[in-house]
Amino acid sequence: MNKNEIEYKIMELKDEYLQLQHNLEKLESVKGNLHPLEKRLAAIEEELSSLNQVLRDL
């Protein structure tokens, strides 16, 4: 991946993260099952961390 591809992927992940947070808030208000969303949020955080490290190393 080049720098532009990494930056684009980071932007996509941040957008997905914000959408998931919004959905999580909705589910909390109706006492829904939060585990799958929390698991995906954690995975996105790890992937963002990894991509940001790759960017720093370029």
C-alpha atoms as a PDB file:
ATOM      1  CA  MET A   1       0.000   0.000   0.000  1.00  0.00           C
ATOM      2  CA  ASN A   2       1.204   3.473  -0.750  1.00  0.00           C
ATOM      3  CA  LYS A   3       0.708   6.530   1.448  1.00  0.00           C
ATOM      4  CA  ASN A   4      -2.499   7.660  -0.307  1.00  0.00           C
ATOM      5  CA  GLU A   5      -4.058   4.202  -0.031  1.00  0.00           C
ATOM      6  CA  ILE A   6      -3.228   4.021   3.673  1.00  0.00           C
ATOM      7  CA  GLU A   7      -4.663   7.492   4.318  1.00  0.00           C
ATOM      8  CA  TYR A   8      -7.832   6.574   2.423  1.00  0.00           C
ATOM      9  CA  LYS A   9      -8.212   3.331   4.390  1.00  0.00           C
ATOM     10  CA  ILE A  10      -7.753   5.266   7.654  1.00  0.00           C
ATOM     11  CA  MET A  11     -10.466   7.701   6.584  1.00  0.00           C
ATOM     12  CA  GLU A  12     -12.837   4.819   5.747  1.00  0.00           C
ATOM     13  CA  LEU A  13     -12.184   3.151   9.101  1.00  0.00           C
ATOM     14  CA  LYS A  14     -12.797   6.389  10.992  1.00  0.00           C
ATOM     15  CA  ASP A  15     -16.124   6.830   9.176  1.00  0.00           C
ATOM     16  CA  GLU A  16     -17.135   3.263  10.002  1.00  0.00           C
ATOM     17  CA  TYR A  17     -16.060   3.776  13.623  1.00  0.00           C
ATOM     18  CA  LEU A  18     -18.272   6.861  13.959  1.00  0.00           C
ATOM     19  CA  GLN A  19     -21.248   5.020  12.455  1.00  0.00           C
ATOM     20  CA  LEU A  20     -20.745   2.093  14.814  1.00  0.00           C
ATOM     21  CA  GLN A  21     -20.520   4.404  17.823  1.00  0.00           C
ATOM     22  CA  HIS A  22     -23.813   5.986  16.803  1.00  0.00           C
ATOM     23  CA  ASN A  23     -25.414   2.552  16.406  1.00  0.00           C
ATOM     24  CA  LEU A  24     -23.989   1.493  19.760  1.00  0.00           C
ATOM     25  CA  GLU A  25     -25.631   4.463  21.453  1.00  0.00           C
ATOM     26  CA  LYS A  26     -28.965   3.549  19.869  1.00  0.00           C
ATOM     27  CA  LEU A  27     -28.649  -0.076  20.989  1.00  0.00           C
ATOM     28  CA  GLU A  28     -27.746   0.971  24.524  1.00  0.00           C
ATOM     29  CA  SER A  29     -30.937   2.981  24.764  1.00  0.00           C
ATOM     30  CA  VAL A  30     -33.040  -0.064  23.851  1.00  0.00           C
ATOM     31  CA  LYS A  31     -30.902  -2.570  25.789  1.00  0.00           C
ATOM     32  CA  GLY A  32     -29.748  -4.362  22.619  1.00  0.00           C
ATOM     33  CA  ASN A  33     -26.855  -6.792  22.191  1.00  0.00           C
ATOM     34  CA  LEU A  34     -23.742  -4.611  22.226  1.00  0.00           C
ATOM     35  CA  HIS A  35     -21.052  -7.293  22.028  1.00  0.00           C
ATOM     36  CA  PRO A  36     -20.731  -7.529  18.200  1.00  0.00           C
ATOM     37  CA  LEU A  37     -20.435  -3.753  17.846  1.00  0.00           C
ATOM     38  CA  GLU A  38     -17.961  -3.477  20.691  1.00  0.00           C
ATOM     39  CA  LYS A  39     -15.888  -6.255  19.133  1.00  0.00           C
ATOM     40  CA  ARG A  40     -15.843  -4.497  15.741  1.00  0.00           C
ATOM     41  CA  LEU A  41     -14.931  -1.159  17.369  1.00  0.00           C
ATOM     42  CA  ALA A  42     -11.959  -2.814  19.055  1.00  0.00           C
ATOM     43  CA  ALA A  43     -10.868  -4.369  15.745  1.00  0.00           C
ATOM     44  CA  ILE A  44     -11.074  -0.989  14.016  1.00  0.00           C
ATOM     45  CA  GLU A  45      -8.994   0.597  16.781  1.00  0.00           C
ATOM     46  CA  GLU A  46      -6.294  -2.044  16.295  1.00  0.00           C
ATOM     47  CA  GLU A  47      -6.319  -1.633  12.522  1.00  0.00           C
ATOM     48  CA  LEU A  48      -6.129   2.159  12.812  1.00  0.00           C
ATOM     49  CA  SER A  49      -3.197   1.851  15.178  1.00  0.00           C
ATOM     50  CA  SER A  50      -1.415  -0.470  12.770  1.00  0.00           C
ATOM     51  CA  LEU A  51      -2.044   1.746   9.736  1.00  0.00           C
ATOM     52  CA  ASN A  52      -0.913   4.852  11.594  1.00  0.00           C
ATOM     53  CA  GLN A  53       2.303   3.057  12.532  1.00  0.00           C
ATOM     54  CA  VAL A  54       2.878   2.149   8.879  1.00  0.00           C
ATOM     55  CA  LEU A  55       2.376   5.803   7.945  1.00  0.00           C
ATOM     56  CA  ARG A  56       4.916   6.910  10.558  1.00  0.00           C
ATOM     57  CA  ASP A  57       7.436   4.405   9.225  1.00  0.00           C
ATOM     58  CA  LEU A  58       7.157   5.601   5.618  1.00  0.00           C
END
